[in-house]
Amino acid sequence: MANVLVVDDSSTMREIVSSYLQQHGFEVTLATDGRDGLLQLEADPGIKLVISDVNMPNMDGLAMAEKIRTEQSNKLVHIIMLTTEDNPVMRARGRAIGVTGWIVKPFRGDAVLGPFKKFCGLV
């Protein structure tokens, strides 16, 4: 069972984030867009943290987050947006949906390792 789901349409970003997390003791599942992310989350109830891009084809990260909170009624999973978007309106929408945090790319794992471990119960 994975404890982190990484959702990004960029295979490079999925690899960067997942490799870093795996090196630090996380079990990682990957998804290519929001639709795939929802399927992965439904299939693995052990996921405690979702790290997602915002801009993706088929379903963007904010739409996925909204469906996690409403359609799946999952209030426990932490959702972090990892994106190039630094728009205050978009951030506010994320907060209103129930997004836990917002990280502007590039990914700097050392800056978030502590909170991520806490979210996943690894500390």
PDB file of N, CA and C in Angstrom:
ATOM      1  N   MET A   1       0.828  -1.185   0.000  1.00  0.00           N
ATOM      2  CA  MET A   1       0.000   0.000   0.000  1.00  0.00           C
ATOM      3  C   MET A   1       0.875   1.251   0.000  1.00  0.00           C
ATOM      4  N   ALA A   2       0.553   2.158  -0.879  1.00  0.00           N
ATOM      5  CA  ALA A   2       1.297   3.415  -0.955  1.00  0.00           C
ATOM      6  C   ALA A   2       0.765   4.387   0.093  1.00  0.00           C
ATOM      7  N   ASN A   3       1.618   5.313   0.520  1.00  0.00           N
ATOM      8  CA  ASN A   3       1.125   6.360   1.393  1.00  0.00           C
ATOM      9  C   ASN A   3       1.129   7.723   0.711  1.00  0.00           C
ATOM     10  N   VAL A   4       1.712   7.811  -0.504  1.00  0.00           N
ATOM     11  CA  VAL A   4       1.725   9.052  -1.268  1.00  0.00           C
ATOM     12  C   VAL A   4       1.308   8.767  -2.706  1.00  0.00           C
ATOM     13  N   LEU A   5       0.463   9.641  -3.233  1.00  0.00           N
ATOM     14  CA  LEU A   5       0.074   9.597  -4.636  1.00  0.00           C
ATOM     15  C   LEU A   5       0.615  10.848  -5.308  1.00  0.00           C
ATOM     16  N   VAL A   6       1.426  10.683  -6.341  1.00  0.00           N
ATOM     17  CA  VAL A   6       1.978  11.798  -7.106  1.00  0.00           C
ATOM     18  C   VAL A   6       1.243  11.856  -8.437  1.00  0.00           C
ATOM     19  N   VAL A   7       0.602  13.011  -8.697  1.00  0.00           N
ATOM     20  CA  VAL A   7      -0.213  13.181  -9.903  1.00  0.00           C
ATOM     21  C   VAL A   7       0.365  14.316 -10.730  1.00  0.00           C
ATOM     22  N   ASP A   8       0.860  13.996 -11.919  1.00  0.00           N
ATOM     23  CA  ASP A   8       1.428  15.021 -12.802  1.00  0.00           C
ATOM     24  C   ASP A   8       1.453  14.460 -14.214  1.00  0.00           C
ATOM     25  N   ASP A   9       1.119  15.291 -15.192  1.00  0.00           N
ATOM     26  CA  ASP A   9       1.156  14.825 -16.575  1.00  0.00           C
ATOM     27  C   ASP A   9       2.576  14.784 -17.119  1.00  0.00           C
ATOM     28  N   SER A  10       3.517  15.383 -16.420  1.00  0.00           N
ATOM     29  CA  SER A  10       4.924  15.353 -16.829  1.00  0.00           C
ATOM     30  C   SER A  10       5.607  14.137 -16.201  1.00  0.00           C
ATOM     31  N   SER A  11       6.086  13.232 -17.049  1.00  0.00           N
ATOM     32  CA  SER A  11       6.779  12.051 -16.527  1.00  0.00           C
ATOM     33  C   SER A  11       8.047  12.456 -15.779  1.00  0.00           C
ATOM     34  N   THR A  12       8.695  13.535 -16.207  1.00  0.00           N
ATOM     35  CA  THR A  12       9.901  14.015 -15.533  1.00  0.00           C
ATOM     36  C   THR A  12       9.585  14.445 -14.106  1.00  0.00           C
ATOM     37  N   MET A  13       8.512  15.209 -13.918  1.00  0.00           N
ATOM     38  CA  MET A  13       8.145  15.656 -12.573  1.00  0.00           C
ATOM     39  C   MET A  13       7.729  14.479 -11.706  1.00  0.00           C
ATOM     40  N   ARG A  14       6.972  13.541 -12.268  1.00  0.00           N
ATOM     41  CA  ARG A  14       6.589  12.356 -11.498  1.00  0.00           C
ATOM     42  C   ARG A  14       7.836  11.624 -11.011  1.00  0.00           C
ATOM     43  N   GLU A  15       8.825  11.499 -11.885  1.00  0.00           N
ATOM     44  CA  GLU A  15      10.059  10.788 -11.536  1.00  0.00           C
ATOM     45  C   GLU A  15      10.859  11.546 -10.474  1.00  0.00           C
ATOM     46  N   ILE A  16      10.999  12.850 -10.618  1.00  0.00           N
ATOM     47  CA  ILE A  16      11.750  13.661  -9.650  1.00  0.00           C
ATOM     48  C   ILE A  16      11.133  13.544  -8.263  1.00  0.00           C
ATOM     49  N   VAL A  17       9.821  13.758  -8.183  1.00  0.00           N
ATOM     50  CA  VAL A  17       9.141  13.760  -6.884  1.00  0.00           C
ATOM     51  C   VAL A  17       9.120  12.355  -6.287  1.00  0.00           C
ATOM     52  N   SER A  18       8.755  11.366  -7.094  1.00  0.00           N
ATOM     53  CA  SER A  18       8.649  10.007  -6.552  1.00  0.00           C
ATOM     54  C   SER A  18      10.014   9.465  -6.132  1.00  0.00           C
ATOM     55  N   SER A  19      11.056   9.721  -6.890  1.00  0.00           N
ATOM     56  CA  SER A  19      12.394   9.253  -6.528  1.00  0.00           C
ATOM     57  C   SER A  19      12.845   9.847  -5.199  1.00  0.00           C
ATOM     58  N   TYR A  20      12.630  11.144  -5.042  1.00  0.00           N
ATOM     59  CA  TYR A  20      13.010  11.800  -3.798  1.00  0.00           C
ATOM     60  C   TYR A  20      12.246  11.179  -2.622  1.00  0.00           C
ATOM     61  N   LEU A  21      10.938  11.032  -2.771  1.00  0.00           N
ATOM     62  CA  LEU A  21      10.121  10.497  -1.680  1.00  0.00           C
ATOM     63  C   LEU A  21      10.499   9.052  -1.356  1.00  0.00           C
ATOM     64  N   GLN A  22      10.736   8.232  -2.380  1.00  0.00           N
ATOM     65  CA  GLN A  22      11.117   6.843  -2.137  1.00  0.00           C
ATOM     66  C   GLN A  22      12.449   6.756  -1.406  1.00  0.00           C
ATOM     67  N   GLN A  23      13.389   7.636  -1.723  1.00  0.00           N
ATOM     68  CA  GLN A  23      14.681   7.660  -1.036  1.00  0.00           C
ATOM     69  C   GLN A  23      14.532   8.008   0.445  1.00  0.00           C
ATOM     70  N   HIS A  24      13.393   8.613   0.801  1.00  0.00           N
ATOM     71  CA  HIS A  24      13.160   9.024   2.185  1.00  0.00           C
ATOM     72  C   HIS A  24      12.072   8.191   2.864  1.00  0.00           C
ATOM     73  N   GLY A  25      11.841   6.982   2.355  1.00  0.00           N
ATOM     74  CA  GLY A  25      10.989   6.033   3.054  1.00  0.00           C
ATOM     75  C   GLY A  25       9.522   6.019   2.713  1.00  0.00           C
ATOM     76  N   PHE A  26       9.111   6.768   1.712  1.00  0.00           N
ATOM     77  CA  PHE A  26       7.711   6.785   1.303  1.00  0.00           C
ATOM     78  C   PHE A  26       7.424   5.696   0.277  1.00  0.00           C
ATOM     79  N   GLU A  27       6.220   5.151   0.324  1.00  0.00           N
ATOM     80  CA  GLU A  27       5.710   4.268  -0.719  1.00  0.00           C
ATOM     81  C   GLU A  27       4.904   5.156  -1.654  1.00  0.00           C
ATOM     82  N   VAL A  28       5.201   5.136  -2.945  1.00  0.00           N
ATOM     83  CA  VAL A  28       4.616   6.089  -3.892  1.00  0.00           C
ATOM     84  C   VAL A  28       3.851   5.375  -4.994  1.00  0.00           C
ATOM     85  N   THR A  29       2.680   5.927  -5.306  1.00  0.00           N
ATOM     86  CA  THR A  29       1.894   5.527  -6.471  1.00  0.00           C
ATOM     87  C   THR A  29       1.855   6.724  -7.403  1.00  0.00           C
ATOM     88  N   LEU A  30       1.840   6.465  -8.712  1.00  0.00           N
ATOM     89  CA  LEU A  30       1.862   7.539  -9.704  1.00  0.00           C
ATOM     90  C   LEU A  30       0.561   7.592 -10.491  1.00  0.00           C
ATOM     91  N   ALA A  31       0.199   8.812 -10.912  1.00  0.00           N
ATOM     92  CA  ALA A  31      -0.959   9.013 -11.783  1.00  0.00           C
ATOM     93  C   ALA A  31      -0.619  10.105 -12.782  1.00  0.00           C
ATOM     94  N   THR A  32      -1.201   9.993 -13.985  1.00  0.00           N
ATOM     95  CA  THR A  32      -0.856  10.897 -15.082  1.00  0.00           C
ATOM     96  C   THR A  32      -1.760  12.114 -15.215  1.00  0.00           C
ATOM     97  N   ASP A  33      -2.904  12.114 -14.549  1.00  0.00           N
ATOM     98  CA  ASP A  33      -3.814  13.261 -14.564  1.00  0.00           C
ATOM     99  C   ASP A  33      -4.832  13.073 -13.442  1.00  0.00           C
ATOM    100  N   GLY A  34      -5.749  14.031 -13.305  1.00  0.00           N
ATOM    101  CA  GLY A  34      -6.716  13.972 -12.223  1.00  0.00           C
ATOM    102  C   GLY A  34      -7.620  12.752 -12.252  1.00  0.00           C
ATOM    103  N   ARG A  35      -8.047  12.356 -13.432  1.00  0.00           N
ATOM    104  CA  ARG A  35      -8.902  11.157 -13.542  1.00  0.00           C
ATOM    105  C   ARG A  35      -8.172   9.921 -13.044  1.00  0.00           C
ATOM    106  N   ASP A  36      -6.945   9.764 -13.511  1.00  0.00           N
ATOM    107  CA  ASP A  36      -6.119   8.640 -13.081  1.00  0.00           C
ATOM    108  C   ASP A  36      -5.864   8.725 -11.578  1.00  0.00           C
ATOM    109  N   GLY A  37      -5.651   9.930 -11.078  1.00  0.00           N
ATOM    110  CA  GLY A  37      -5.438  10.121  -9.650  1.00  0.00           C
ATOM    111  C   GLY A  37      -6.616   9.658  -8.811  1.00  0.00           C
ATOM    112  N   LEU A  38      -7.827   9.991  -9.247  1.00  0.00           N
ATOM    113  CA  LEU A  38      -9.024   9.546  -8.530  1.00  0.00           C
ATOM    114  C   LEU A  38      -9.109   8.024  -8.501  1.00  0.00           C
ATOM    115  N   LEU A  39      -8.813   7.391  -9.635  1.00  0.00           N
ATOM    116  CA  LEU A  39      -8.845   5.923  -9.692  1.00  0.00           C
ATOM    117  C   LEU A  39      -7.813   5.309  -8.751  1.00  0.00           C
ATOM    118  N   GLN A  40      -6.604   5.873  -8.738  1.00  0.00           N
ATOM    119  CA  GLN A  40      -5.548   5.353  -7.864  1.00  0.00           C
ATOM    120  C   GLN A  40      -5.923   5.519  -6.390  1.00  0.00           C
ATOM    121  N   LEU A  41      -6.525   6.657  -6.065  1.00  0.00           N
ATOM    122  CA  LEU A  41      -6.915   6.923  -4.682  1.00  0.00           C
ATOM    123  C   LEU A  41      -8.035   5.977  -4.237  1.00  0.00           C
ATOM    124  N   GLU A  42      -8.976   5.720  -5.121  1.00  0.00           N
ATOM    125  CA  GLU A  42     -10.054   4.768  -4.813  1.00  0.00           C
ATOM    126  C   GLU A  42      -9.498   3.359  -4.608  1.00  0.00           C
ATOM    127  N   ALA A  43      -8.480   3.000  -5.389  1.00  0.00           N
ATOM    128  CA  ALA A  43      -7.921   1.647  -5.342  1.00  0.00           C
ATOM    129  C   ALA A  43      -7.039   1.410  -4.112  1.00  0.00           C
ATOM    130  N   ASP A  44      -6.521   2.479  -3.513  1.00  0.00           N
ATOM    131  CA  ASP A  44      -5.589   2.318  -2.395  1.00  0.00           C
ATOM    132  C   ASP A  44      -6.002   3.202  -1.219  1.00  0.00           C
ATOM    133  N   PRO A  45      -6.729   2.659  -0.259  1.00  0.00           N
ATOM    134  CA  PRO A  45      -7.167   3.449   0.896  1.00  0.00           C
ATOM    135  C   PRO A  45      -6.021   3.832   1.847  1.00  0.00           C
ATOM    136  N   GLY A  46      -4.831   3.323   1.608  1.00  0.00           N
ATOM    137  CA  GLY A  46      -3.686   3.652   2.450  1.00  0.00           C
ATOM    138  C   GLY A  46      -3.037   4.984   2.113  1.00  0.00           C
ATOM    139  N   ILE A  47      -3.445   5.602   1.016  1.00  0.00           N
ATOM    140  CA  ILE A  47      -2.844   6.876   0.610  1.00  0.00           C
ATOM    141  C   ILE A  47      -3.253   7.966   1.593  1.00  0.00           C
ATOM    142  N   LYS A  48      -2.252   8.654   2.136  1.00  0.00           N
ATOM    143  CA  LYS A  48      -2.494   9.706   3.114  1.00  0.00           C
ATOM    144  C   LYS A  48      -2.169  11.099   2.572  1.00  0.00           C
ATOM    145  N   LEU A  49      -1.424  11.134   1.459  1.00  0.00           N
ATOM    146  CA  LEU A  49      -0.968  12.401   0.890  1.00  0.00           C
ATOM    147  C   LEU A  49      -1.050  12.338  -0.628  1.00  0.00           C
ATOM    148  N   VAL A  50      -1.667  13.362  -1.222  1.00  0.00           N
ATOM    149  CA  VAL A  50      -1.718  13.511  -2.672  1.00  0.00           C
ATOM    150  C   VAL A  50      -0.914  14.757  -3.021  1.00  0.00           C
ATOM    151  N   ILE A  51       0.059  14.606  -3.914  1.00  0.00           N
ATOM    152  CA  ILE A  51       0.850  15.726  -4.417  1.00  0.00           C
ATOM    153  C   ILE A  51       0.510  15.841  -5.891  1.00  0.00           C
ATOM    154  N   SER A  52      -0.092  16.967  -6.276  1.00  0.00           N
ATOM    155  CA  SER A  52      -0.625  17.071  -7.632  1.00  0.00           C
ATOM    156  C   SER A  52      -0.276  18.383  -8.310  1.00  0.00           C
ATOM    157  N   ASP A  53      -0.030  18.285  -9.602  1.00  0.00           N
ATOM    158  CA  ASP A  53       0.059  19.454 -10.465  1.00  0.00           C
ATOM    159  C   ASP A  53      -1.348  20.029 -10.591  1.00  0.00           C
ATOM    160  N   VAL A  54      -1.451  21.274 -11.006  1.00  0.00           N
ATOM    161  CA  VAL A  54      -2.761  21.874 -11.260  1.00  0.00           C
ATOM    162  C   VAL A  54      -3.143  21.667 -12.722  1.00  0.00           C
ATOM    163  N   ASN A  55      -2.303  22.123 -13.637  1.00  0.00           N
ATOM    164  CA  ASN A  55      -2.630  22.105 -15.065  1.00  0.00           C
ATOM    165  C   ASN A  55      -2.282  20.769 -15.702  1.00  0.00           C
ATOM    166  N   MET A  56      -3.343  19.985 -15.986  1.00  0.00           N
ATOM    167  CA  MET A  56      -3.178  18.670 -16.622  1.00  0.00           C
ATOM    168  C   MET A  56      -4.343  18.438 -17.563  1.00  0.00           C
ATOM    169  N   PRO A  57      -4.148  17.600 -18.577  1.00  0.00           N
ATOM    170  CA  PRO A  57      -5.266  17.261 -19.469  1.00  0.00           C
ATOM    171  C   PRO A  57      -6.271  16.354 -18.755  1.00  0.00           C
ATOM    172  N   ASN A  58      -7.422  16.192 -19.341  1.00  0.00           N
ATOM    173  CA  ASN A  58      -8.507  15.323 -18.871  1.00  0.00           C
ATOM    174  C   ASN A  58      -9.163  15.830 -17.587  1.00  0.00           C
ATOM    175  N   MET A  59      -8.393  16.038 -16.533  1.00  0.00           N
ATOM    176  CA  MET A  59      -8.911  16.624 -15.299  1.00  0.00           C
ATOM    177  C   MET A  59      -7.759  17.302 -14.570  1.00  0.00           C
ATOM    178  N   ASP A  60      -7.932  18.589 -14.269  1.00  0.00           N
ATOM    179  CA  ASP A  60      -6.849  19.302 -13.586  1.00  0.00           C
ATOM    180  C   ASP A  60      -6.827  18.964 -12.095  1.00  0.00           C
ATOM    181  N   GLY A  61      -5.779  19.399 -11.434  1.00  0.00           N
ATOM    182  CA  GLY A  61      -5.571  19.055 -10.035  1.00  0.00           C
ATOM    183  C   GLY A  61      -6.631  19.608  -9.097  1.00  0.00           C
ATOM    184  N   LEU A  62      -7.115  20.826  -9.367  1.00  0.00           N
ATOM    185  CA  LEU A  62      -8.139  21.400  -8.492  1.00  0.00           C
ATOM    186  C   LEU A  62      -9.470  20.672  -8.646  1.00  0.00           C
ATOM    187  N   ALA A  63      -9.817  20.295  -9.868  1.00  0.00           N
ATOM    188  CA  ALA A  63     -11.047  19.511 -10.074  1.00  0.00           C
ATOM    189  C   ALA A  63     -10.925  18.164  -9.371  1.00  0.00           C
ATOM    190  N   MET A  64      -9.753  17.557  -9.441  1.00  0.00           N
ATOM    191  CA  MET A  64      -9.533  16.289  -8.756  1.00  0.00           C
ATOM    192  C   MET A  64      -9.678  16.471  -7.243  1.00  0.00           C
ATOM    193  N   ALA A  65      -9.074  17.528  -6.707  1.00  0.00           N
ATOM    194  CA  ALA A  65      -9.153  17.787  -5.266  1.00  0.00           C
ATOM    195  C   ALA A  65     -10.610  17.974  -4.834  1.00  0.00           C
ATOM    196  N   GLU A  66     -11.358  18.686  -5.630  1.00  0.00           N
ATOM    197  CA  GLU A  66     -12.770  18.904  -5.305  1.00  0.00           C
ATOM    198  C   GLU A  66     -13.545  17.584  -5.292  1.00  0.00           C
ATOM    199  N   LYS A  67     -13.266  16.715  -6.249  1.00  0.00           N
ATOM    200  CA  LYS A  67     -13.937  15.410  -6.297  1.00  0.00           C
ATOM    201  C   LYS A  67     -13.497  14.522  -5.125  1.00  0.00           C
ATOM    202  N   ILE A  68     -12.251  14.625  -4.721  1.00  0.00           N
ATOM    203  CA  ILE A  68     -11.781  13.862  -3.559  1.00  0.00           C
ATOM    204  C   ILE A  68     -12.592  14.268  -2.332  1.00  0.00           C
ATOM    205  N   ARG A  69     -12.789  15.563  -2.169  1.00  0.00           N
ATOM    206  CA  ARG A  69     -13.491  16.064  -0.984  1.00  0.00           C
ATOM    207  C   ARG A  69     -15.006  15.847  -1.057  1.00  0.00           C
ATOM    208  N   THR A  70     -15.585  15.928  -2.247  1.00  0.00           N
ATOM    209  CA  THR A  70     -17.042  15.838  -2.352  1.00  0.00           C
ATOM    210  C   THR A  70     -17.517  14.450  -2.758  1.00  0.00           C
ATOM    211  N   GLU A  71     -17.174  14.004  -3.945  1.00  0.00           N
ATOM    212  CA  GLU A  71     -17.675  12.724  -4.450  1.00  0.00           C
ATOM    213  C   GLU A  71     -17.116  11.532  -3.682  1.00  0.00           C
ATOM    214  N   GLN A  72     -15.840  11.589  -3.308  1.00  0.00           N
ATOM    215  CA  GLN A  72     -15.254  10.491  -2.539  1.00  0.00           C
ATOM    216  C   GLN A  72     -15.415  10.720  -1.032  1.00  0.00           C
ATOM    217  N   SER A  73     -15.865  11.905  -0.659  1.00  0.00           N
ATOM    218  CA  SER A  73     -16.042  12.276   0.756  1.00  0.00           C
ATOM    219  C   SER A  73     -14.796  11.993   1.588  1.00  0.00           C
ATOM    220  N   ASN A  74     -13.650  12.190   0.985  1.00  0.00           N
ATOM    221  CA  ASN A  74     -12.381  11.925   1.669  1.00  0.00           C
ATOM    222  C   ASN A  74     -11.867  13.229   2.273  1.00  0.00           C
ATOM    223  N   LYS A  75     -12.064  13.385   3.548  1.00  0.00           N
ATOM    224  CA  LYS A  75     -11.622  14.593   4.254  1.00  0.00           C
ATOM    225  C   LYS A  75     -10.277  14.380   4.945  1.00  0.00           C
ATOM    226  N   LEU A  76      -9.792  13.141   4.965  1.00  0.00           N
ATOM    227  CA  LEU A  76      -8.583  12.820   5.717  1.00  0.00           C
ATOM    228  C   LEU A  76      -7.296  12.965   4.922  1.00  0.00           C
ATOM    229  N   VAL A  77      -7.341  12.674   3.626  1.00  0.00           N
ATOM    230  CA  VAL A  77      -6.116  12.737   2.822  1.00  0.00           C
ATOM    231  C   VAL A  77      -5.661  14.195   2.703  1.00  0.00           C
ATOM    232  N   HIS A  78      -4.360  14.404   2.835  1.00  0.00           N
ATOM    233  CA  HIS A  78      -3.780  15.736   2.651  1.00  0.00           C
ATOM    234  C   HIS A  78      -3.540  15.922   1.162  1.00  0.00           C
ATOM    235  N   ILE A  79      -3.873  17.100   0.647  1.00  0.00           N
ATOM    236  CA  ILE A  79      -3.697  17.394  -0.778  1.00  0.00           C
ATOM    237  C   ILE A  79      -2.784  18.605  -0.911  1.00  0.00           C
ATOM    238  N   ILE A  80      -1.663  18.391  -1.593  1.00  0.00           N
ATOM    239  CA  ILE A  80      -0.685  19.451  -1.842  1.00  0.00           C
ATOM    240  C   ILE A  80      -0.634  19.700  -3.346  1.00  0.00           C
ATOM    241  N   MET A  81      -0.781  20.955  -3.750  1.00  0.00           N
ATOM    242  CA  MET A  81      -0.625  21.319  -5.152  1.00  0.00           C
ATOM    243  C   MET A  81       0.840  21.695  -5.379  1.00  0.00           C
ATOM    244  N   LEU A  82       1.464  21.049  -6.347  1.00  0.00           N
ATOM    245  CA  LEU A  82       2.846  21.324  -6.754  1.00  0.00           C
ATOM    246  C   LEU A  82       2.762  21.820  -8.191  1.00  0.00           C
ATOM    247  N   THR A  83       2.893  23.115  -8.382  1.00  0.00           N
ATOM    248  CA  THR A  83       2.537  23.724  -9.654  1.00  0.00           C
ATOM    249  C   THR A  83       3.385  24.951  -9.966  1.00  0.00           C
ATOM    250  N   THR A  84       3.342  25.393 -11.204  1.00  0.00           N
ATOM    251  CA  THR A  84       3.969  26.659 -11.580  1.00  0.00           C
ATOM    252  C   THR A  84       3.020  27.824 -11.318  1.00  0.00           C
ATOM    253  N   GLU A  85       1.767  27.537 -11.036  1.00  0.00           N
ATOM    254  CA  GLU A  85       0.745  28.563 -10.801  1.00  0.00           C
ATOM    255  C   GLU A  85       0.952  29.214  -9.439  1.00  0.00           C
ATOM    256  N   ASP A  86       1.069  30.536  -9.435  1.00  0.00           N
ATOM    257  CA  ASP A  86       1.197  31.275  -8.181  1.00  0.00           C
ATOM    258  C   ASP A  86       0.124  32.362  -8.114  1.00  0.00           C
ATOM    259  N   ASN A  87      -1.039  32.043  -8.643  1.00  0.00           N
ATOM    260  CA  ASN A  87      -2.153  32.968  -8.734  1.00  0.00           C
ATOM    261  C   ASN A  87      -2.944  32.956  -7.420  1.00  0.00           C
ATOM    262  N   PRO A  88      -3.101  34.110  -6.751  1.00  0.00           N
ATOM    263  CA  PRO A  88      -3.824  34.154  -5.485  1.00  0.00           C
ATOM    264  C   PRO A  88      -5.276  33.678  -5.589  1.00  0.00           C
ATOM    265  N   VAL A  89      -5.914  33.927  -6.711  1.00  0.00           N
ATOM    266  CA  VAL A  89      -7.298  33.474  -6.898  1.00  0.00           C
ATOM    267  C   VAL A  89      -7.343  31.954  -6.963  1.00  0.00           C
ATOM    268  N   MET A  90      -6.393  31.370  -7.658  1.00  0.00           N
ATOM    269  CA  MET A  90      -6.330  29.920  -7.766  1.00  0.00           C
ATOM    270  C   MET A  90      -6.009  29.292  -6.402  1.00  0.00           C
ATOM    271  N   ARG A  91      -5.116  29.909  -5.658  1.00  0.00           N
ATOM    272  CA  ARG A  91      -4.786  29.428  -4.309  1.00  0.00           C
ATOM    273  C   ARG A  91      -6.017  29.480  -3.403  1.00  0.00           C
ATOM    274  N   ALA A  92      -6.764  30.572  -3.501  1.00  0.00           N
ATOM    275  CA  ALA A  92      -7.976  30.719  -2.682  1.00  0.00           C
ATOM    276  C   ALA A  92      -8.997  29.648  -3.045  1.00  0.00           C
ATOM    277  N   ARG A  93      -9.131  29.367  -4.324  1.00  0.00           N
ATOM    278  CA  ARG A  93     -10.033  28.290  -4.751  1.00  0.00           C
ATOM    279  C   ARG A  93      -9.581  26.963  -4.145  1.00  0.00           C
ATOM    280  N   GLY A  94      -8.268  26.723  -4.160  1.00  0.00           N
ATOM    281  CA  GLY A  94      -7.730  25.506  -3.573  1.00  0.00           C
ATOM    282  C   GLY A  94      -8.051  25.405  -2.090  1.00  0.00           C
ATOM    283  N   ARG A  95      -7.851  26.494  -1.358  1.00  0.00           N
ATOM    284  CA  ARG A  95      -8.171  26.487   0.080  1.00  0.00           C
ATOM    285  C   ARG A  95      -9.650  26.196   0.309  1.00  0.00           C
ATOM    286  N   ALA A  96     -10.505  26.818  -0.494  1.00  0.00           N
ATOM    287  CA  ALA A  96     -11.948  26.627  -0.350  1.00  0.00           C
ATOM    288  C   ALA A  96     -12.350  25.175  -0.601  1.00  0.00           C
ATOM    289  N   ILE A  97     -11.653  24.514  -1.509  1.00  0.00           N
ATOM    290  CA  ILE A  97     -11.928  23.109  -1.828  1.00  0.00           C
ATOM    291  C   ILE A  97     -11.449  22.196  -0.709  1.00  0.00           C
ATOM    292  N   GLY A  98     -10.376  22.596  -0.031  1.00  0.00           N
ATOM    293  CA  GLY A  98      -9.809  21.759   1.018  1.00  0.00           C
ATOM    294  C   GLY A  98      -8.391  21.323   0.739  1.00  0.00           C
ATOM    295  N   VAL A  99      -7.701  22.054  -0.158  1.00  0.00           N
ATOM    296  CA  VAL A  99      -6.295  21.768  -0.432  1.00  0.00           C
ATOM    297  C   VAL A  99      -5.482  22.133   0.808  1.00  0.00           C
ATOM    298  N   THR A 100      -4.604  21.246   1.218  1.00  0.00           N
ATOM    299  CA  THR A 100      -3.811  21.412   2.436  1.00  0.00           C
ATOM    300  C   THR A 100      -2.686  22.420   2.256  1.00  0.00           C
ATOM    301  N   GLY A 101      -2.029  22.405   1.077  1.00  0.00           N
ATOM    302  CA  GLY A 101      -0.894  23.283   0.853  1.00  0.00           C
ATOM    303  C   GLY A 101      -0.642  23.534  -0.616  1.00  0.00           C
ATOM    304  N   TRP A 102       0.195  24.518  -0.887  1.00  0.00           N
ATOM    305  CA  TRP A 102       0.488  24.957  -2.257  1.00  0.00           C
ATOM    306  C   TRP A 102       1.981  25.179  -2.374  1.00  0.00           C
ATOM    307  N   ILE A 103       2.636  24.464  -3.258  1.00  0.00           N
ATOM    308  CA  ILE A 103       4.072  24.604  -3.486  1.00  0.00           C
ATOM    309  C   ILE A 103       4.280  25.026  -4.932  1.00  0.00           C
ATOM    310  N   VAL A 104       5.038  26.099  -5.113  1.00  0.00           N
ATOM    311  CA  VAL A 104       5.360  26.559  -6.461  1.00  0.00           C
ATOM    312  C   VAL A 104       6.645  25.863  -6.903  1.00  0.00           C
ATOM    313  N   LYS A 105       6.598  25.243  -8.092  1.00  0.00           N
ATOM    314  CA  LYS A 105       7.763  24.547  -8.647  1.00  0.00           C
ATOM    315  C   LYS A 105       8.906  25.532  -8.801  1.00  0.00           C
ATOM    316  N   PRO A 106      10.133  25.090  -8.675  1.00  0.00           N
ATOM    317  CA  PRO A 106      10.597  23.712  -8.689  1.00  0.00           C
ATOM    318  C   PRO A 106      10.401  23.032  -7.332  1.00  0.00           C
ATOM    319  N   PHE A 107      10.392  21.698  -7.361  1.00  0.00           N
ATOM    320  CA  PHE A 107      10.224  20.892  -6.162  1.00  0.00           C
ATOM    321  C   PHE A 107      11.520  20.882  -5.369  1.00  0.00           C
ATOM    322  N   ARG A 108      11.430  21.295  -4.115  1.00  0.00           N
ATOM    323  CA  ARG A 108      12.579  21.268  -3.198  1.00  0.00           C
ATOM    324  C   ARG A 108      12.193  20.373  -2.031  1.00  0.00           C
ATOM    325  N   GLY A 109      12.515  19.114  -2.163  1.00  0.00           N
ATOM    326  CA  GLY A 109      12.076  18.120  -1.205  1.00  0.00           C
ATOM    327  C   GLY A 109      12.469  18.384   0.230  1.00  0.00           C
ATOM    328  N   ASP A 110      13.693  18.878   0.455  1.00  0.00           N
ATOM    329  CA  ASP A 110      14.155  19.097   1.820  1.00  0.00           C
ATOM    330  C   ASP A 110      13.271  20.094   2.570  1.00  0.00           C
ATOM    331  N   ALA A 111      12.671  21.036   1.840  1.00  0.00           N
ATOM    332  CA  ALA A 111      11.835  22.054   2.474  1.00  0.00           C
ATOM    333  C   ALA A 111      10.505  21.490   2.973  1.00  0.00           C
ATOM    334  N   VAL A 112      10.062  20.374   2.419  1.00  0.00           N
ATOM    335  CA  VAL A 112       8.748  19.831   2.774  1.00  0.00           C
ATOM    336  C   VAL A 112       8.811  18.430   3.366  1.00  0.00           C
ATOM    337  N   LEU A 113       9.987  17.886   3.516  1.00  0.00           N
ATOM    338  CA  LEU A 113      10.124  16.510   3.983  1.00  0.00           C
ATOM    339  C   LEU A 113       9.479  16.293   5.354  1.00  0.00           C
ATOM    340  N   GLY A 114       9.726  17.195   6.281  1.00  0.00           N
ATOM    341  CA  GLY A 114       9.163  17.067   7.625  1.00  0.00           C
ATOM    342  C   GLY A 114       7.648  17.009   7.627  1.00  0.00           C
ATOM    343  N   PRO A 115       6.971  18.009   7.024  1.00  0.00           N
ATOM    344  CA  PRO A 115       5.513  17.964   6.982  1.00  0.00           C
ATOM    345  C   PRO A 115       4.982  16.735   6.234  1.00  0.00           C
ATOM    346  N   PHE A 116       5.618  16.346   5.143  1.00  0.00           N
ATOM    347  CA  PHE A 116       5.162  15.178   4.394  1.00  0.00           C
ATOM    348  C   PHE A 116       5.237  13.927   5.258  1.00  0.00           C
ATOM    349  N   LYS A 117       6.327  13.760   6.003  1.00  0.00           N
ATOM    350  CA  LYS A 117       6.457  12.595   6.892  1.00  0.00           C
ATOM    351  C   LYS A 117       5.372  12.618   7.971  1.00  0.00           C
ATOM    352  N   LYS A 118       5.099  13.806   8.482  1.00  0.00           N
ATOM    353  CA  LYS A 118       4.052  13.928   9.499  1.00  0.00           C
ATOM    354  C   LYS A 118       2.687  13.537   8.913  1.00  0.00           C
ATOM    355  N   PHE A 119       2.375  14.030   7.719  1.00  0.00           N
ATOM    356  CA  PHE A 119       1.098  13.706   7.069  1.00  0.00           C
ATOM    357  C   PHE A 119       0.930  12.204   6.914  1.00  0.00           C
ATOM    358  N   CYS A 120       2.037  11.513   6.640  1.00  0.00           N
ATOM    359  CA  CYS A 120       1.986  10.087   6.353  1.00  0.00           C
ATOM    360  C   CYS A 120       2.253   9.211   7.575  1.00  0.00           C
ATOM    361  N   GLY A 121       2.449   9.832   8.710  1.00  0.00           N
ATOM    362  CA  GLY A 121       2.680   9.089   9.936  1.00  0.00           C
ATOM    363  C   GLY A 121       4.039   8.412   9.987  1.00  0.00           C
ATOM    364  N   LEU A 122       5.030   9.001   9.342  1.00  0.00           N
ATOM    365  CA  LEU A 122       6.370   8.415   9.305  1.00  0.00           C
ATOM    366  C   LEU A 122       7.302   9.022  10.346  1.00  0.00           C
ATOM    367  N   VAL A 123       6.788   9.883  11.217  1.00  0.00           N
ATOM    368  CA  VAL A 123       7.645  10.467  12.272  1.00  0.00           C
ATOM    369  C   VAL A 123       7.129  10.082  13.638  1.00  0.00           C
TER     370      VAL A 123
END
